[in-house]
Amino acid sequence: MRKKQSLVLLGAGLVFGVGAIFLMLQGNPKNMGLCIACFVRDIAGGLHLHSAQVVQYIRPEIIGLILGSFILSLISKEFKTRGGSSPLTRLTIGFLVMVGALVFLGCPMRMVLRMSAGDLNAWIGFIGFVLGVFAGTLFLKKGFSLRKTYDLPALGGYIMPVFQIVLFILLIVAPGLLAFSVEGPGASRAPIWIALVVTLILGALVQRTRLCQAGGVRDVIMFNDWTLMVGTIGIFVAALILDLLTNNFNLGLDGQPIAHTEAVWNIVGLFVVGLGSVLAGGCPMRQLVLTGTGNVDSGLFVIGMGLGAAFSHNFKLASSGEGTTINGRVAVIVALVLLLLIGFVNSRRENGN
């Protein structure tokens, strides 16, 4: 059974990697064919929640991932409105994870895509991600929990998927109400319908296979179980092969697209992302897809990410290709401390005391 699951996850990872590189080749930013943190940040800008003009666009990819999961969960009868598991804490974790992601310049998915393209900064950041996940597993072993979820009135689970439909309608019929980048990463985008169709498929795929970068590393550390990790390996392999075939592989530290070379802050940023992802029960991509299945708590995590993105750009926390900011360095340390505090407060000893 486990061998079959590994093969399914490997196949899903390969498809996801191909999809991400395809979107890059269709116009999305280099080494950013699909980045949950970056694209949620772009949507926040597109909705005028921040004024960073180079990162403003209603990304169809986020809409597609949520709706792909939503549609499949309806078909498979897995859609179920549930939540109530420390909702404000989950929103806060989403906010803090976004702070870490924007200091590094990417979520775990973009980390893998950057690694496959030869960006050694991402390999260095991967050390922080693994350490952050490891720290999260220590809390899990101490009984960390954000408490159980509850069945909720059905309407709540439909809010985020319906909101995605509203966003897409606005993008198509009322773009004048939105903000659009004319330069920078926000201006690099695949055609709307291609981006939507590809991510509808990928969203359904992730929903079906439970693909998750943080979950894969967590299972290796806690149980020596590589089943979930095989999916991430599949993404890396597919992206690496396509990057090599399309001359998008560039091994080194310098000159990488939308990246900086400050190793310490790449490590700290992804440490925060790894730790926060374990505490929340999944990486940003996994949270996004769970939102489509009616998980209100995951929806709050995603909203927290959007608020974190707006805050990061309005108060100059986000890094750029030039490097980190002083504000960003302070903020990511504060984020780390707060996540550790959340971990300690919500842990209990094995005897239940």
Foldseek 3Di string as FASTA:
>chain_A
DLVVLLVLLLVLLQLVLVLLVVFVVQWAPFLPSDFLLLQLLQPLVFQVLADPQQRHDNQLLLLLLLVLLLVLCVVVVLFFAKEDLLQVVLLQLLLLLSLLCLQQVGFVLSLLSCVLQQAVLSVLLVLLLLLLLVVLVVLVQLAFGSDDMDGDPQVQLCVVNVVSVVSVCCVPPPSVSTRAHPDHSRVGGGPNVSSNVSSSVSSNSCSVSVAACLVQSNCCVPPVRNSNVSNSVSSSVSSNVVCVVVVSRDHDHPPDPWGERPSVSSSLSSSSQNNSQSSSVGHLSSLSSVSSSNYNSSVSSSVSSSNSSSVCNNVVLGATHVHGDPNVVVSSVVSVVVSVVSSVVRGHHPVRD
